[in-house]
């Protein structure tokens, strides 16, 4: 009986870790979809052929007329917040995936903790390659 309890506890831990990983992945997908809608809205504001000073913006279930500049700033701030949230989720996701692999007895993923080169690093590499 003790062995079956231990196995059940192990499977529960693995299942909870897997659900946590899937929930974070789904949240990233949803935030990314919202970020894409914001990008489309910014593009529409930028290339709007009408020269109206105000645009209609949907808040929940109502539309409000706001100045283009204000609307642009609001969407930009929302974009920055979404980028930060997605970045934070991706960082936490790496730790959660490693935890899941550890629970399953699998080796840690190699190359999973890589980060992209910064702009300064990229410029330095490009300058070396151009020589």
N, C-alpha and C. Protein backbone atom coordinates (compact mmCIF):
# COMPACT_ATOMS: atom_id res chain seq x y z
N UNK A 1 0.82 -1.19 0.00
CA UNK A 1 0.00 0.00 0.00
C UNK A 1 0.87 1.26 0.00
N UNK A 2 1.95 1.24 0.73
CA UNK A 2 2.85 2.39 0.80
C UNK A 2 3.48 2.69 -0.56
N UNK A 3 3.82 1.65 -1.30
CA UNK A 3 4.42 1.81 -2.63
C UNK A 3 3.43 2.47 -3.60
N UNK A 4 2.17 2.08 -3.53
CA UNK A 4 1.17 2.67 -4.43
C UNK A 4 0.93 4.14 -4.08
N UNK A 5 0.99 4.51 -2.81
CA UNK A 5 0.85 5.90 -2.40
C UNK A 5 2.02 6.73 -2.92
N UNK A 6 3.21 6.17 -2.85
CA UNK A 6 4.40 6.87 -3.33
C UNK A 6 4.31 7.08 -4.84
N UNK A 7 3.88 6.07 -5.56
CA UNK A 7 3.74 6.18 -7.02
C UNK A 7 2.67 7.21 -7.38
N UNK A 8 1.55 7.18 -6.64
CA UNK A 8 0.47 8.13 -6.90
C UNK A 8 0.95 9.56 -6.63
N UNK A 9 1.72 9.76 -5.56
CA UNK A 9 2.25 11.08 -5.24
C UNK A 9 3.19 11.56 -6.35
N UNK A 10 4.05 10.66 -6.84
CA UNK A 10 4.99 10.99 -7.92
C UNK A 10 4.24 11.39 -9.18
N UNK A 11 3.25 10.59 -9.56
CA UNK A 11 2.49 10.89 -10.78
C UNK A 11 1.71 12.20 -10.64
N UNK A 12 1.23 12.48 -9.44
CA UNK A 12 0.52 13.74 -9.20
C UNK A 12 1.47 14.92 -9.37
N UNK A 13 2.67 14.81 -8.82
CA UNK A 13 3.66 15.89 -8.96
C UNK A 13 4.01 16.13 -10.41
N UNK A 14 4.23 15.06 -11.15
CA UNK A 14 4.57 15.20 -12.58
C UNK A 14 3.41 15.83 -13.34
N UNK A 15 2.19 15.38 -13.04
CA UNK A 15 1.02 15.92 -13.73
C UNK A 15 0.83 17.41 -13.42
N UNK A 16 1.02 17.79 -12.17
CA UNK A 16 0.89 19.21 -11.79
C UNK A 16 1.95 20.06 -12.48
N UNK A 17 3.18 19.55 -12.55
CA UNK A 17 4.26 20.29 -13.21
C UNK A 17 3.96 20.44 -14.70
N UNK A 18 3.44 19.37 -15.31
CA UNK A 18 3.11 19.42 -16.74
C UNK A 18 1.97 20.40 -16.99
N UNK A 19 0.96 20.40 -16.13
CA UNK A 19 -0.16 21.34 -16.26
C UNK A 19 0.32 22.79 -16.12
N UNK A 20 1.26 23.00 -15.21
CA UNK A 20 1.81 24.34 -15.01
C UNK A 20 2.54 24.82 -16.27
N UNK A 21 3.31 23.92 -16.88
CA UNK A 21 4.02 24.26 -18.12
C UNK A 21 3.03 24.57 -19.23
N UNK A 22 2.01 23.74 -19.36
CA UNK A 22 1.02 23.96 -20.42
C UNK A 22 0.24 25.25 -20.20
N UNK A 23 -0.07 25.56 -18.95
CA UNK A 23 -0.80 26.80 -18.66
C UNK A 23 0.04 28.01 -19.04
N UNK A 24 1.33 27.98 -18.72
CA UNK A 24 2.20 29.10 -19.09
C UNK A 24 2.33 29.23 -20.60
N UNK A 25 2.44 28.11 -21.29
CA UNK A 25 2.53 28.15 -22.75
C UNK A 25 1.27 28.75 -23.35
N UNK A 26 0.11 28.36 -22.81
CA UNK A 26 -1.15 28.90 -23.32
C UNK A 26 -1.25 30.40 -23.05
N UNK A 27 -0.79 30.82 -21.89
CA UNK A 27 -0.82 32.25 -21.57
C UNK A 27 0.09 33.04 -22.50
N UNK A 28 1.24 32.47 -22.84
CA UNK A 28 2.15 33.13 -23.79
C UNK A 28 1.47 33.28 -25.15
N UNK A 29 0.78 32.23 -25.59
CA UNK A 29 0.08 32.27 -26.88
C UNK A 29 -0.98 33.37 -26.86
N UNK A 30 -1.75 33.46 -25.77
CA UNK A 30 -2.80 34.47 -25.68
C UNK A 30 -2.22 35.89 -25.65
N UNK A 31 -1.16 36.09 -24.88
CA UNK A 31 -0.53 37.40 -24.82
C UNK A 31 0.08 37.78 -26.17
N UNK A 32 0.65 36.80 -26.86
CA UNK A 32 1.23 37.07 -28.17
C UNK A 32 0.16 37.44 -29.18
N UNK A 33 -1.00 36.80 -29.09
CA UNK A 33 -2.11 37.15 -29.98
C UNK A 33 -2.56 38.59 -29.72
N UNK A 34 -2.62 38.97 -28.45
CA UNK A 34 -2.99 40.35 -28.12
C UNK A 34 -1.93 41.32 -28.62
N UNK A 35 -0.66 40.94 -28.50
CA UNK A 35 0.42 41.79 -28.99
C UNK A 35 0.32 41.98 -30.49
N UNK A 36 -0.05 40.92 -31.22
CA UNK A 36 -0.22 41.03 -32.67
C UNK A 36 -1.39 41.94 -33.03
N UNK A 37 -2.48 41.86 -32.27
CA UNK A 37 -3.62 42.76 -32.52
C UNK A 37 -3.21 44.21 -32.28
N UNK A 38 -2.42 44.44 -31.22
CA UNK A 38 -1.93 45.79 -30.96
C UNK A 38 -1.04 46.28 -32.10
N UNK A 39 -0.20 45.40 -32.61
CA UNK A 39 0.68 45.77 -33.71
C UNK A 39 -0.14 46.16 -34.94
N UNK A 40 -1.21 45.42 -35.20
CA UNK A 40 -2.10 45.75 -36.31
C UNK A 40 -2.76 47.11 -36.09
N UNK A 41 -3.16 47.38 -34.85
CA UNK A 41 -3.80 48.65 -34.54
C UNK A 41 -2.81 49.80 -34.73
N UNK A 42 -1.58 49.63 -34.28
CA UNK A 42 -0.57 50.67 -34.46
C UNK A 42 -0.31 50.93 -35.93
N UNK A 43 -0.27 49.87 -36.71
CA UNK A 43 -0.06 50.01 -38.15
C UNK A 43 -1.24 50.75 -38.79
N UNK A 44 -2.44 50.41 -38.36
CA UNK A 44 -3.62 51.09 -38.91
C UNK A 44 -3.61 52.57 -38.55
N UNK A 45 -3.18 52.89 -37.34
CA UNK A 45 -3.09 54.30 -36.95
C UNK A 45 -2.04 55.04 -37.76
N UNK A 46 -0.94 54.38 -38.02
CA UNK A 46 0.16 55.00 -38.74
C UNK A 46 -0.20 55.27 -40.19
N UNK A 47 -0.89 54.32 -40.81
CA UNK A 47 -1.16 54.44 -42.24
C UNK A 47 -2.61 54.78 -42.54
N UNK A 48 -3.30 55.35 -41.57
CA UNK A 48 -4.69 55.73 -41.75
C UNK A 48 -4.78 56.82 -42.81
N UNK A 49 -5.54 56.55 -43.85
CA UNK A 49 -5.65 57.51 -44.96
C UNK A 49 -6.52 58.71 -44.60
N UNK A 50 -7.40 58.54 -43.64
CA UNK A 50 -8.23 59.66 -43.22
C UNK A 50 -7.41 60.54 -42.28
N UNK A 51 -7.63 61.81 -42.37
CA UNK A 51 -6.84 62.73 -41.56
C UNK A 51 -7.59 63.18 -40.31
N UNK A 52 -8.46 62.34 -39.79
CA UNK A 52 -9.19 62.69 -38.58
C UNK A 52 -8.23 62.75 -37.40
N UNK A 53 -8.52 63.65 -36.48
CA UNK A 53 -7.69 63.80 -35.29
C UNK A 53 -8.03 62.77 -34.23
N UNK A 54 -9.27 62.26 -34.27
CA UNK A 54 -9.71 61.30 -33.27
C UNK A 54 -10.07 59.98 -33.94
N UNK A 55 -9.88 58.91 -33.18
CA UNK A 55 -10.23 57.57 -33.67
C UNK A 55 -11.10 56.89 -32.63
N UNK A 56 -11.89 55.94 -33.08
CA UNK A 56 -12.73 55.18 -32.17
C UNK A 56 -11.93 53.99 -31.63
N UNK A 57 -11.96 53.85 -30.30
CA UNK A 57 -11.23 52.77 -29.63
C UNK A 57 -12.23 51.96 -28.83
N UNK A 58 -12.11 50.63 -28.91
CA UNK A 58 -13.03 49.75 -28.19
C UNK A 58 -12.46 49.44 -26.80
N UNK A 59 -13.21 49.75 -25.77
CA UNK A 59 -12.88 49.40 -24.39
C UNK A 59 -13.99 48.50 -23.88
N UNK A 60 -13.70 47.22 -23.77
CA UNK A 60 -14.73 46.28 -23.33
C UNK A 60 -15.83 46.18 -24.36
N UNK A 61 -17.02 46.69 -24.00
CA UNK A 61 -18.14 46.61 -24.94
C UNK A 61 -18.61 48.00 -25.38
N UNK A 62 -17.73 49.00 -25.28
CA UNK A 62 -18.10 50.34 -25.74
C UNK A 62 -16.95 50.96 -26.54
N UNK A 63 -17.34 51.86 -27.42
CA UNK A 63 -16.36 52.58 -28.23
C UNK A 63 -16.25 54.01 -27.72
N UNK A 64 -15.01 54.50 -27.66
CA UNK A 64 -14.75 55.86 -27.20
C UNK A 64 -13.88 56.54 -28.25
N UNK A 65 -14.19 57.79 -28.55
CA UNK A 65 -13.37 58.56 -29.49
C UNK A 65 -12.24 59.22 -28.71
N UNK A 66 -11.02 58.92 -29.13
CA UNK A 66 -9.82 59.49 -28.49
C UNK A 66 -8.91 60.08 -29.54
N UNK A 67 -8.08 61.03 -29.15
CA UNK A 67 -7.08 61.55 -30.10
C UNK A 67 -6.12 60.44 -30.53
N UNK A 68 -5.67 60.54 -31.78
CA UNK A 68 -4.76 59.53 -32.31
C UNK A 68 -3.49 59.40 -31.47
N UNK A 69 -2.93 60.53 -31.06
CA UNK A 69 -1.68 60.50 -30.30
C UNK A 69 -1.87 59.77 -28.97
N UNK A 70 -2.98 60.04 -28.30
CA UNK A 70 -3.26 59.37 -27.03
C UNK A 70 -3.45 57.88 -27.24
N UNK A 71 -4.19 57.53 -28.26
CA UNK A 71 -4.43 56.13 -28.57
C UNK A 71 -3.11 55.42 -28.88
N UNK A 72 -2.27 56.08 -29.66
CA UNK A 72 -0.97 55.51 -30.01
C UNK A 72 -0.13 55.27 -28.75
N UNK A 73 -0.11 56.23 -27.85
CA UNK A 73 0.65 56.09 -26.61
C UNK A 73 0.12 54.96 -25.75
N UNK A 74 -1.21 54.85 -25.67
CA UNK A 74 -1.81 53.78 -24.87
C UNK A 74 -1.44 52.40 -25.41
N UNK A 75 -1.51 52.27 -26.72
CA UNK A 75 -1.18 50.97 -27.34
C UNK A 75 0.30 50.68 -27.17
N UNK A 76 1.15 51.69 -27.30
CA UNK A 76 2.60 51.49 -27.11
C UNK A 76 2.89 51.01 -25.68
N UNK A 77 2.25 51.64 -24.69
CA UNK A 77 2.45 51.22 -23.30
C UNK A 77 1.97 49.79 -23.09
N UNK A 78 0.84 49.47 -23.72
CA UNK A 78 0.31 48.10 -23.62
C UNK A 78 1.29 47.12 -24.26
N UNK A 79 1.88 47.49 -25.39
CA UNK A 79 2.86 46.65 -26.06
C UNK A 79 4.07 46.39 -25.15
N UNK A 80 4.56 47.44 -24.51
CA UNK A 80 5.70 47.30 -23.61
C UNK A 80 5.37 46.37 -22.46
N UNK A 81 4.17 46.51 -21.90
CA UNK A 81 3.74 45.65 -20.80
C UNK A 81 3.61 44.20 -21.27
N UNK A 82 3.04 44.00 -22.44
CA UNK A 82 2.90 42.65 -22.99
C UNK A 82 4.27 42.03 -23.24
N UNK A 83 5.20 42.80 -23.81
CA UNK A 83 6.55 42.28 -24.04
C UNK A 83 7.20 41.85 -22.74
N UNK A 84 7.03 42.65 -21.69
CA UNK A 84 7.61 42.33 -20.38
C UNK A 84 6.98 41.06 -19.82
N UNK A 85 5.65 40.96 -19.88
CA UNK A 85 4.96 39.78 -19.37
C UNK A 85 5.37 38.52 -20.11
N UNK A 86 5.45 38.61 -21.43
CA UNK A 86 5.85 37.44 -22.23
C UNK A 86 7.28 37.03 -21.90
N UNK A 87 8.16 38.01 -21.78
CA UNK A 87 9.55 37.73 -21.43
C UNK A 87 9.65 37.05 -20.06
N UNK A 88 8.91 37.57 -19.09
CA UNK A 88 8.92 36.97 -17.75
C UNK A 88 8.37 35.54 -17.78
N UNK A 89 7.29 35.35 -18.52
CA UNK A 89 6.71 34.01 -18.63
C UNK A 89 7.69 33.03 -19.27
N UNK A 90 8.38 33.48 -20.31
CA UNK A 90 9.34 32.59 -20.98
C UNK A 90 10.50 32.23 -20.06
N UNK A 91 10.95 33.19 -19.24
CA UNK A 91 12.01 32.89 -18.29
C UNK A 91 11.55 31.87 -17.26
N UNK A 92 10.33 32.07 -16.73
CA UNK A 92 9.81 31.12 -15.74
C UNK A 92 9.54 29.77 -16.38
N UNK A 93 9.14 29.78 -17.65
CA UNK A 93 8.83 28.53 -18.34
C UNK A 93 10.06 27.64 -18.44
N UNK A 94 11.21 28.25 -18.68
CA UNK A 94 12.44 27.46 -18.77
C UNK A 94 12.69 26.70 -17.47
N UNK A 95 12.53 27.37 -16.34
CA UNK A 95 12.74 26.72 -15.04
C UNK A 95 11.70 25.63 -14.82
N UNK A 96 10.46 25.89 -15.22
CA UNK A 96 9.40 24.90 -15.04
C UNK A 96 9.62 23.66 -15.90
N UNK A 97 10.09 23.88 -17.13
CA UNK A 97 10.36 22.74 -18.01
C UNK A 97 11.52 21.91 -17.45
N UNK A 98 12.55 22.59 -16.96
CA UNK A 98 13.66 21.86 -16.35
C UNK A 98 13.20 21.09 -15.13
N UNK A 99 12.31 21.68 -14.33
CA UNK A 99 11.77 20.98 -13.16
C UNK A 99 10.98 19.75 -13.59
N UNK A 100 10.19 19.88 -14.63
CA UNK A 100 9.41 18.75 -15.15
C UNK A 100 10.33 17.63 -15.62
N UNK A 101 11.38 18.00 -16.34
CA UNK A 101 12.34 16.99 -16.81
C UNK A 101 13.02 16.30 -15.63
N UNK A 102 13.33 17.08 -14.62
CA UNK A 102 13.96 16.51 -13.43
C UNK A 102 13.02 15.53 -12.73
N UNK A 103 11.74 15.90 -12.61
CA UNK A 103 10.75 15.01 -12.00
C UNK A 103 10.60 13.71 -12.79
N UNK A 104 10.70 13.82 -14.09
CA UNK A 104 10.54 12.65 -14.95
C UNK A 104 11.83 11.83 -15.03
N UNK A 105 12.90 12.34 -14.45
CA UNK A 105 14.17 11.61 -14.50
C UNK A 105 14.90 11.78 -15.81
N UNK A 106 14.51 12.75 -16.59
CA UNK A 106 15.17 13.01 -17.87
C UNK A 106 16.30 14.00 -17.65
N UNK A 107 17.31 13.98 -18.51
CA UNK A 107 18.39 14.95 -18.36
C UNK A 107 17.91 16.36 -18.72
N UNK A 108 18.60 17.35 -18.17
CA UNK A 108 18.26 18.75 -18.47
C UNK A 108 18.47 19.01 -19.95
N UNK A 109 17.60 19.83 -20.51
CA UNK A 109 17.71 20.15 -21.93
C UNK A 109 18.97 20.96 -22.18
N UNK A 110 19.74 20.55 -23.16
CA UNK A 110 20.97 21.27 -23.49
C UNK A 110 20.63 22.40 -24.46
N UNK A 111 21.22 23.57 -24.20
CA UNK A 111 21.01 24.71 -25.07
C UNK A 111 19.70 25.42 -24.82
N UNK A 112 18.94 24.97 -23.84
CA UNK A 112 17.63 25.57 -23.57
C UNK A 112 17.77 26.89 -22.84
N UNK A 113 18.86 27.10 -22.15
CA UNK A 113 19.05 28.33 -21.39
C UNK A 113 19.86 29.37 -22.15
N UNK A 114 19.96 29.21 -23.45
CA UNK A 114 20.67 30.19 -24.26
C UNK A 114 19.88 31.48 -24.34
N UNK A 115 20.60 32.57 -24.46
CA UNK A 115 19.93 33.87 -24.65
C UNK A 115 20.53 34.52 -25.89
N UNK A 116 19.77 35.36 -26.57
CA UNK A 116 20.27 35.98 -27.79
C UNK A 116 21.38 36.98 -27.49
N UNK A 117 22.17 37.27 -28.52
CA UNK A 117 23.24 38.26 -28.37
C UNK A 117 22.64 39.65 -28.22
N UNK A 118 23.30 40.45 -27.41
CA UNK A 118 22.86 41.84 -27.27
C UNK A 118 23.28 42.61 -28.52
N UNK A 119 22.77 43.81 -28.67
CA UNK A 119 23.12 44.63 -29.84
C UNK A 119 24.61 44.93 -29.87
N UNK A 120 25.20 45.20 -28.70
CA UNK A 120 26.64 45.48 -28.64
C UNK A 120 27.46 44.26 -29.04
N UNK A 121 27.06 43.09 -28.57
CA UNK A 121 27.77 41.86 -28.93
C UNK A 121 27.65 41.59 -30.43
N UNK A 122 26.47 41.82 -30.97
CA UNK A 122 26.26 41.60 -32.40
C UNK A 122 27.10 42.55 -33.24
N UNK A 123 27.18 43.83 -32.83
CA UNK A 123 28.02 44.80 -33.54
C UNK A 123 29.49 44.40 -33.48
N UNK A 124 29.94 43.93 -32.32
CA UNK A 124 31.33 43.51 -32.17
C UNK A 124 31.65 42.34 -33.09
N UNK A 125 30.77 41.38 -33.16
CA UNK A 125 30.98 40.21 -34.03
C UNK A 125 30.99 40.65 -35.49
N UNK A 126 30.05 41.52 -35.86
CA UNK A 126 30.00 42.00 -37.25
C UNK A 126 31.26 42.76 -37.62
N UNK A 127 31.77 43.56 -36.69
CA UNK A 127 33.00 44.32 -37.00
C UNK A 127 34.19 43.38 -37.16
N UNK A 128 34.23 42.31 -36.39
CA UNK A 128 35.32 41.33 -36.53
C UNK A 128 35.21 40.59 -37.85
N UNK A 129 34.00 40.22 -38.22
CA UNK A 129 33.81 39.47 -39.47
C UNK A 129 34.09 40.31 -40.72
N UNK A 130 33.94 41.62 -40.63
CA UNK A 130 34.15 42.48 -41.79
C UNK A 130 35.63 42.73 -42.06
N UNK A 131 36.47 42.44 -41.10
CA UNK A 131 37.91 42.68 -41.29
C UNK A 131 38.51 41.83 -42.34
